[in-house]
Amino acid sequence: MSEIVRCSWANGSDLMARYHDEEWGTPLHDDAKLFEFLLLETMQAGLSWSTVLNRREHFRRAFSEFDVLHLSGLGQEQIDLWMTDPLLIRNLAKLKAVIANAKAFRRIQQEFGSFDSYQWAFVDGKPIVGGWEEPAELPATTELSEKFCKDLKRRGFTFIGPTTSYAHMQATGMVNDHVKTCWKHASD
């Protein structure tokens, strides 16, 4: 039996391999999941993805199952409570962004009908397929991620930059950055 060839970053643990195989780079069109990914990528800024992935279930509980409506109605009292939770990433700016970004996300949903419609318009509704041979070739940002980021910020998103925006684009399949040797490169 031949072994599955994945992007090398996914070989560190079973959790990383499952995330790679089942989620990363797969076109995602569900607003609830898109919001979850945005929050997780915000939490990841400056940290390893494995740090965030290992805490994902706790984030899910702490952030009310990533319920955008609920989170958009919270305030400073909740941020203060989150800051005491040792299992969260206790960065004040990131935790404030959870609420600010929930509010901005809802405004986009109201304006465009869904966040999905808004997000996927940046790639004309179909994934951009990278042709990378090695993970080292993958960019951290692109002109498109800078444009996406700039528009998110204009619409009220905080603690998001072009790198986080690009990570979101990769994770949600707007960009297929699986290397050519990876089994998922051609599958999505």
Foldseek 3Di string as FASTA:
>chain_A
DDDADFAVVQPPDPLSVCLRVPFFQAADQDQQVLLLLLLLLLQCVVHDSVLSSVLSVVCCVLCVNSPLVVLLPDDDVSLVVVCVDPSGSNDSQSSVLSNQLSVLLVVVCVVQVHVSRVVLVLLPNAAAADAAAHPVPDDLADPSLQVVQVVSVVSGGPSDHRSSSVSSCRRNNSYPPIYPSGPVSPVD
